[in-house]
Protein backbone atom coordinates (compact mmCIF):
# COMPACT_ATOMS: atom_id res chain seq x y z
CA MET A 1 232.34 43.94 -70.34
CA ASN A 2 229.51 43.88 -72.90
CA ALA A 3 231.14 43.36 -76.29
CA VAL A 4 227.94 42.62 -78.23
CA THR A 5 225.82 45.77 -78.27
CA PRO A 6 226.75 48.00 -81.25
CA ARG A 7 228.28 51.31 -80.20
CA ILE A 8 229.90 54.46 -81.49
CA PHE A 9 232.15 57.03 -79.84
CA VAL A 10 231.36 60.64 -80.80
CA ALA A 11 234.56 62.70 -80.55
CA ALA A 12 235.57 66.20 -81.63
CA THR A 13 238.68 68.10 -82.57
CA GLN A 14 238.02 70.65 -79.81
CA GLN A 15 235.36 71.81 -77.38
CA ASN A 16 232.13 73.31 -78.73
CA ASP A 17 232.49 71.79 -82.20
CA GLY A 18 229.01 70.26 -81.92
CA LYS A 19 229.62 66.91 -80.26
CA THR A 20 226.53 67.03 -78.04
CA THR A 21 224.42 68.41 -80.89
CA THR A 22 225.52 65.46 -83.03
CA ALA A 23 224.87 62.94 -80.25
CA LEU A 24 221.40 64.38 -79.68
CA GLY A 25 220.54 64.27 -83.38
CA LEU A 26 221.98 60.77 -83.80
CA PHE A 27 220.00 59.50 -80.82
CA ALA A 28 216.75 60.47 -82.53
CA ALA A 29 217.83 59.16 -85.94
CA LEU A 30 219.02 55.82 -84.56
CA SER A 31 215.90 55.43 -82.41
CA ARG A 32 213.79 55.53 -85.55
CA ARG A 33 215.96 52.93 -87.24
CA LEU A 34 217.00 50.57 -84.45
CA GLY A 35 214.76 50.99 -81.42
CA ARG A 36 216.20 51.30 -77.90
CA ILE A 37 219.25 53.57 -77.75
CA GLY A 38 221.58 53.87 -74.77
CA PHE A 39 223.86 56.77 -73.91
CA ILE A 40 226.95 57.29 -71.77
CA LYS A 41 229.41 60.13 -71.32
CA PRO A 42 232.22 58.35 -69.48
CA VAL A 43 234.18 61.49 -68.56
CA GLY A 44 232.39 64.83 -68.14
CA GLN A 45 233.94 68.24 -67.48
CA ARG A 46 230.77 70.26 -66.80
CA PHE A 47 228.32 68.88 -64.29
CA VAL A 48 225.18 69.75 -62.37
CA GLU A 49 223.92 68.46 -59.04
CA VAL A 50 221.05 65.97 -59.38
CA GLU A 51 219.77 64.41 -56.16
CA GLY A 52 223.15 64.89 -54.52
CA LYS A 53 225.08 63.35 -57.41
CA ARG A 54 227.36 65.20 -59.86
CA ILE A 55 226.04 64.43 -63.32
CA ASP A 56 227.45 65.70 -66.61
CA GLU A 57 225.09 68.35 -68.02
CA ASP A 58 224.99 66.79 -71.50
CA THR A 59 223.84 63.51 -69.94
CA VAL A 60 220.99 65.36 -68.24
CA LEU A 61 220.02 66.91 -71.60
CA ILE A 62 219.92 63.52 -73.35
CA ASP A 63 218.03 61.86 -70.50
CA GLN A 64 215.39 64.57 -70.19
CA THR A 65 214.93 64.71 -73.96
CA PHE A 66 214.62 60.97 -74.62
CA ALA A 67 213.83 59.35 -71.24
CA VAL A 68 216.69 56.86 -71.65
CA LYS A 69 215.58 54.70 -68.67
CA VAL A 70 219.10 54.25 -67.29
CA PRO A 71 220.30 55.60 -63.91
CA LEU A 72 221.98 58.96 -64.42
CA GLU A 73 225.10 57.89 -62.53
CA ALA A 74 225.55 55.01 -65.01
CA MET A 75 225.41 57.42 -67.94
CA SER A 76 227.83 59.83 -66.24
CA PRO A 77 230.30 57.74 -64.22
CA ILE A 78 233.10 60.32 -63.88
CA ALA A 79 232.56 64.06 -63.40
CA ILE A 80 235.81 66.04 -63.30
CA GLU A 81 235.70 68.18 -60.17
CA PRO A 82 238.06 71.17 -59.76
CA ASP A 83 240.67 69.17 -57.78
CA PHE A 84 240.18 65.83 -59.59
CA THR A 85 243.45 66.03 -61.57
CA ARG A 86 245.55 67.03 -58.54
CA ARG A 87 244.13 64.18 -56.47
CA TYR A 88 244.77 61.69 -59.28
CA ILE A 89 248.40 62.75 -59.70
CA GLU A 90 248.92 62.38 -55.93
CA HIS A 91 247.10 59.05 -55.59
CA ALA A 92 246.49 57.42 -58.97
CA ASN A 93 243.39 55.18 -58.94
CA HIS A 94 243.41 54.20 -62.60
CA ASP A 95 242.14 50.63 -62.18
CA PHE A 96 239.15 51.84 -60.16
CA LEU A 97 238.25 54.43 -62.81
CA VAL A 98 238.53 51.87 -65.62
CA ARG A 99 236.25 49.44 -63.74
CA ARG A 100 233.78 52.23 -63.07
CA ILE A 101 233.63 53.20 -66.75
CA ARG A 102 233.25 49.61 -67.96
CA ASN A 103 230.62 48.73 -65.36
CA SER A 104 228.71 51.90 -66.21
CA PHE A 105 228.82 51.04 -69.89
CA ASP A 106 227.37 47.60 -69.15
CA ARG A 107 224.49 49.26 -67.31
CA ALA A 108 223.96 51.86 -70.05
CA ALA A 109 223.91 49.11 -72.70
CA TRP A 110 221.54 46.80 -70.80
CA GLU A 111 218.59 45.87 -73.04
CA LYS A 112 219.62 48.50 -75.61
CA ASP A 113 219.97 47.99 -79.35
CA PHE A 114 222.74 50.56 -79.74
CA VAL A 115 224.83 52.81 -77.49
CA ILE A 116 226.12 56.32 -78.17
CA VAL A 117 229.30 57.14 -76.22
CA GLU A 118 230.08 60.86 -76.06
CA GLY A 119 233.63 62.03 -75.53
CA THR A 120 234.84 65.32 -74.13
CA GLY A 121 237.06 67.65 -76.16
CA HIS A 122 239.77 66.37 -78.51
CA ALA A 123 241.33 62.90 -78.57
CA GLY A 124 243.97 63.79 -75.99
CA VAL A 125 241.70 65.33 -73.33
CA GLY A 126 241.99 63.27 -70.17
CA SER A 127 245.56 62.13 -70.80
CA VAL A 128 246.67 63.75 -67.53
CA PHE A 129 244.70 61.09 -65.62
CA ASP A 130 245.38 58.30 -68.14
CA LEU A 131 241.88 58.36 -69.61
CA SER A 132 242.17 60.31 -72.84
CA ASN A 133 239.24 60.14 -75.23
CA ALA A 134 241.31 57.84 -77.43
CA ARG A 135 242.00 55.55 -74.47
CA VAL A 136 238.36 55.47 -73.34
CA ALA A 137 237.20 54.64 -76.88
CA SER A 138 239.67 51.74 -76.87
CA LEU A 139 238.58 50.52 -73.42
CA LEU A 140 234.95 50.40 -74.57
CA GLY A 141 235.70 48.78 -77.93
CA CYS A 142 234.30 51.72 -79.90
CA LYS A 143 234.81 53.00 -83.39
CA VAL A 144 234.88 56.78 -83.65
CA LEU A 145 232.91 59.49 -85.39
CA ILE A 146 234.76 62.85 -85.31
CA VAL A 147 232.90 66.17 -85.34
CA THR A 148 234.79 69.30 -86.38
CA GLN A 149 233.94 72.85 -87.37
CA GLY A 150 233.38 73.62 -91.02
CA GLY A 151 236.23 74.46 -93.33
CA ILE A 152 238.89 72.65 -95.32
CA GLY A 153 242.49 73.21 -94.22
CA LYS A 154 242.25 73.71 -90.46
CA PRO A 155 239.70 70.92 -89.79
CA ILE A 156 241.72 68.39 -91.80
CA ASP A 157 244.93 69.37 -89.99
CA GLU A 158 243.18 68.91 -86.63
CA ILE A 159 241.67 65.59 -87.70
CA ALA A 160 245.15 64.35 -88.67
CA LEU A 161 246.40 65.15 -85.15
CA ASN A 162 243.44 63.41 -83.53
CA LYS A 163 243.81 60.42 -85.86
CA ALA A 164 247.38 59.91 -84.64
CA LEU A 165 246.15 59.49 -81.06
CA PHE A 166 243.30 57.17 -82.03
CA ASP A 167 245.70 55.12 -84.19
CA GLN A 168 248.04 54.80 -81.22
CA GLU A 169 245.19 53.22 -79.21
CA GLY A 170 244.13 50.99 -82.09
CA VAL A 171 240.81 52.80 -82.54
CA GLU A 172 239.23 52.98 -85.99
CA ILE A 173 237.79 56.28 -87.25
CA LEU A 174 234.53 55.63 -89.08
CA GLY A 175 234.25 59.10 -90.53
CA VAL A 176 233.93 62.83 -90.00
CA ILE A 177 231.08 65.31 -89.73
CA LEU A 178 231.82 68.91 -90.68
CA ASN A 179 229.63 71.15 -88.52
CA LYS A 180 228.65 74.83 -88.66
CA VAL A 181 229.46 75.21 -92.36
CA THR A 182 228.36 78.43 -94.06
CA PRO A 183 225.16 77.39 -95.89
CA GLU A 184 226.20 79.04 -99.16
CA LYS A 185 229.44 77.02 -99.17
CA LEU A 186 227.97 73.65 -98.22
CA ASP A 187 228.66 71.88 -101.53
CA TYR A 188 232.02 73.59 -102.11
CA VAL A 189 233.39 72.80 -98.64
CA GLY A 190 231.97 69.29 -98.72
CA ASP A 191 233.60 68.50 -102.06
CA PHE A 192 237.10 69.65 -101.13
CA ALA A 193 236.96 68.33 -97.56
CA ARG A 194 235.88 64.92 -98.86
CA ARG A 195 238.87 64.82 -101.19
CA GLY A 196 241.26 66.05 -98.51
CA LEU A 197 240.03 63.52 -95.94
CA ARG A 198 240.30 60.72 -98.47
CA ARG A 199 244.05 61.36 -98.53
CA LEU A 200 244.05 60.45 -94.82
CA GLY A 201 241.93 57.36 -95.46
CA ILE A 202 238.90 58.90 -93.73
CA ASP A 203 235.32 59.23 -95.03
CA LEU A 204 233.22 62.38 -94.86
CA LEU A 205 229.81 61.33 -93.51
CA GLY A 206 228.09 64.67 -93.15
CA VAL A 207 228.25 68.40 -93.79
CA VAL A 208 225.92 70.29 -91.45
CA PRO A 209 225.13 73.95 -92.14
CA ALA A 210 225.46 76.66 -89.52
CA GLU A 211 222.09 77.33 -87.92
CA PRO A 212 221.60 80.75 -86.24
CA LEU A 213 218.92 79.33 -83.94
CA LEU A 214 221.47 77.06 -82.26
CA THR A 215 223.79 79.92 -81.38
CA SER A 216 221.07 82.34 -80.22
CA PRO A 217 221.12 82.63 -76.41
CA THR A 218 218.04 83.02 -74.25
CA LEU A 219 217.43 85.90 -71.87
CA GLY A 220 217.96 83.53 -68.95
CA GLN A 221 221.37 82.46 -70.23
CA ILE A 222 222.36 86.08 -70.85
CA CYS A 223 221.18 87.15 -67.40
CA ARG A 224 223.48 84.59 -65.77
CA THR A 225 226.39 85.56 -68.04
CA VAL A 226 226.19 89.27 -67.20
CA LYS A 227 225.58 88.60 -63.47
CA GLY A 228 222.24 90.31 -63.83
CA ALA A 229 218.83 90.23 -62.20
CA PHE A 230 215.44 90.50 -63.83
CA LEU A 231 213.55 93.69 -63.11
CA ASN A 232 210.68 92.45 -65.24
CA GLY A 233 209.83 89.42 -67.37
CA MET A 234 211.00 86.52 -65.23
CA THR A 235 208.56 84.32 -67.18
CA GLU A 236 210.42 85.15 -70.40
CA THR A 237 213.76 83.52 -69.55
CA ARG A 238 213.53 81.32 -72.67
CA ARG A 239 212.91 84.25 -75.04
CA ARG A 240 215.62 84.06 -77.70
CA VAL A 241 218.04 86.90 -78.55
CA ARG A 242 219.22 87.13 -82.15
CA LYS A 243 221.01 90.49 -82.08
CA VAL A 244 222.54 92.81 -79.46
CA MET A 245 222.40 96.57 -79.84
CA ILE A 246 224.13 99.12 -77.59
CA GLY A 247 221.92 102.16 -77.12
CA ALA A 248 224.66 104.79 -77.23
CA MET A 249 223.02 107.07 -79.80
CA SER A 250 220.00 109.34 -79.57
CA ALA A 251 216.64 107.70 -78.94
CA ALA A 252 215.42 108.82 -82.38
CA HIS A 253 218.24 106.93 -84.07
CA ALA A 254 218.07 103.94 -81.70
CA ILE A 255 214.45 103.23 -82.67
CA GLU A 256 215.58 102.57 -86.24
CA TYR A 257 217.42 99.47 -84.98
CA PHE A 258 214.59 98.10 -82.84
CA GLU A 259 213.29 94.86 -84.33
CA PRO A 260 212.15 91.40 -83.14
CA GLY A 261 214.98 89.45 -81.54
CA THR A 262 217.04 92.54 -80.66
CA LEU A 263 218.33 92.97 -77.11
CA VAL A 264 218.86 96.63 -76.27
CA VAL A 265 221.79 97.33 -73.93
CA THR A 266 221.93 100.80 -72.42
CA PRO A 267 223.24 102.49 -69.28
CA GLY A 268 220.53 102.51 -66.65
CA ASP A 269 220.42 106.31 -66.57
CA ARG A 270 219.73 106.69 -70.30
CA GLU A 271 216.05 107.36 -69.72
CA ASP A 272 215.47 108.42 -73.33
CA ILE A 273 216.55 105.00 -74.67
CA ILE A 274 214.56 103.21 -71.98
CA LEU A 275 211.42 105.20 -72.81
CA ALA A 276 211.91 104.51 -76.52
CA ALA A 277 212.16 100.76 -75.82
CA LEU A 278 209.07 100.83 -73.61
CA SER A 279 207.13 102.79 -76.22
CA THR A 280 208.11 100.35 -78.97
CA ALA A 281 206.99 97.40 -76.83
CA SER A 282 203.72 99.05 -75.80
CA LEU A 283 202.72 99.78 -79.41
CA ASN A 284 202.42 96.02 -79.97
CA PRO A 285 200.25 93.45 -78.20
CA PRO A 286 202.03 91.30 -75.57
CA ASP A 287 202.34 88.31 -77.92
CA VAL A 288 204.19 90.40 -80.53
CA LYS A 289 207.81 90.75 -79.40
CA ALA A 290 208.88 94.05 -80.97
CA ILE A 291 212.28 93.68 -79.27
CA ALA A 292 213.68 90.80 -77.24
CA GLY A 293 214.38 92.79 -74.09
CA LEU A 294 216.34 95.48 -72.34
CA ILE A 295 219.53 95.41 -70.24
CA LEU A 296 220.25 98.33 -67.91
CA SER A 297 224.03 98.36 -67.52
CA GLY A 298 226.56 99.80 -65.09
CA ASP A 299 224.52 99.34 -61.90
CA LEU A 300 222.67 102.52 -62.88
CA PHE A 301 218.92 102.95 -62.61
CA PRO A 302 216.42 105.47 -63.96
CA HIS A 303 213.94 107.42 -61.86
CA GLN A 304 211.71 105.25 -59.68
CA ASN A 305 208.65 106.18 -61.75
CA LEU A 306 210.36 104.78 -64.85
CA ILE A 307 211.28 101.59 -62.97
CA GLU A 308 207.60 101.16 -62.12
CA MET A 309 206.73 101.62 -65.80
CA ILE A 310 209.21 98.88 -66.70
CA LYS A 311 207.70 96.54 -64.12
CA SER A 312 204.17 97.15 -65.38
CA SER A 313 205.11 96.61 -69.04
CA HIS A 314 205.48 93.36 -70.99
CA LEU A 315 209.11 94.17 -71.87
CA PRO A 316 211.68 91.88 -70.16
CA ALA A 317 214.34 93.96 -68.43
CA ILE A 318 217.59 92.94 -66.74
CA ALA A 319 219.86 95.03 -64.51
CA SER A 320 223.58 94.23 -64.77
CA PRO A 321 226.60 95.59 -62.87
CA PHE A 322 228.69 95.37 -66.07
CA ASP A 323 229.08 98.42 -68.30
CA SER A 324 227.49 98.30 -71.76
CA TYR A 325 230.67 97.25 -73.53
CA ALA A 326 231.34 94.45 -71.03
CA VAL A 327 227.74 93.24 -71.39
CA ALA A 328 228.01 93.11 -75.18
CA SER A 329 231.45 91.42 -75.03
CA SER A 330 230.23 88.81 -72.55
CA ILE A 331 227.25 87.95 -74.75
CA HIS A 332 229.44 87.78 -77.86
CA SER A 333 231.84 85.29 -76.20
CA MET A 334 229.10 83.09 -74.73
CA THR A 335 229.06 79.35 -75.36
CA VAL A 336 225.38 78.74 -76.07
CA LYS A 337 224.36 75.29 -74.88
CA THR A 338 221.14 73.47 -75.72
CA LEU A 339 219.10 73.11 -72.55
CA PRO A 340 216.59 70.44 -71.52
CA GLY A 341 213.12 71.47 -72.65
CA ASP A 342 214.40 73.74 -75.44
CA ASP A 343 212.05 72.02 -77.86
CA GLU A 344 212.53 74.40 -80.78
CA LYS A 345 216.30 73.88 -80.85
CA ILE A 346 216.09 70.15 -80.19
CA CYS A 347 213.67 69.62 -83.08
CA ARG A 348 215.92 71.66 -85.37
CA ILE A 349 219.00 69.67 -84.35
CA GLN A 350 217.24 66.39 -85.09
CA ALA A 351 216.16 67.65 -88.51
CA LEU A 352 219.68 68.87 -89.36
CA ILE A 353 221.33 65.54 -88.50
CA GLU A 354 218.69 63.52 -90.35
CA GLN A 355 219.00 65.70 -93.43
CA HIS A 356 222.76 66.28 -93.60
CA VAL A 357 224.40 63.20 -92.07
CA GLU A 358 224.56 59.84 -93.85
CA VAL A 359 223.18 57.87 -90.92
CA ASP A 360 222.46 54.71 -92.91
CA ARG A 361 225.97 54.70 -94.35
CA LEU A 362 227.34 55.14 -90.85
CA LEU A 363 225.41 52.05 -89.72
CA ASP A 364 226.67 50.09 -92.74
CA LYS A 365 230.26 50.92 -91.75
CA LEU A 366 229.58 49.65 -88.23
CA ALA A 367 228.12 46.35 -89.45
CA PRO A 368 230.45 43.35 -89.05
CA PRO A 369 231.82 41.97 -92.34
CA LEU A 370 229.95 39.02 -93.83
């Protein structure tokens, strides 16, 4: 296996800590410094179908963002299907999987100046089929960068647990990035976390502030989450939602809460709220988004004439079978992923990593000793 091309394994203390966000930002930062960057996610848990092949969705995001020029199946060698673990326990094929990962890494690293290897979940994920993140990092000869959510006590406790598994596999931890830190506490958290991590012999390499844009879902993502269908505004699936409001009060009071970025959720038979939303949208030109959109909940619909008004307006509207509370709860618990082509978010991610992560220091720590 290629042992020459520099590489780093991006791990996390748990899912949704910001591993893919970090990998995406690092890819851009390293491209500017080093040139040709490769990428591989050896084991993926969430995949999409691409030309008949199951490819990890984060791999698709990286490839479509940066045009990596490596076959997708080489960047995503193992996609965990629903019965993958059961089949492995019945008929272990460990040697085959190891060869597949190493061969894929060789292809991903071909003619590249650096390779980013993205893990999945915490250090122990994959242990059930003998390919934990710690084991995969060891197989590929990687040093590790750990991403964890902002804070002091809990993140350091979780890092200590992950460190034990990486130590067991002989894998060195280069440092830690604290992600999603409250902006007002950036310096405070960074100072104490740095001191706490130092007690574990680990460096703090970045403190990234929470960014509301990155956790704001689009109408398209919300529509899928609430099992809905667009009544109007199918072209606005990428419109971003910053706040959800349940229209359970009088229309006169509801209007006070209408503002750009607000998604109004109301039972489909609350014609007063629907009319108020339509009126608010119609008072502004189409390019001024007075509210983000409207969800008609509970499989209820207004009079047909009002449905026609919705369809002739420039207000996106979604019908959902969920009741208003279930709609709001589903949106609140969503995991908001960055999607290919989401240029606003991708540009913001790149800026955050460049500004708040010590990329040059990271590269210095990877350099072989003189």
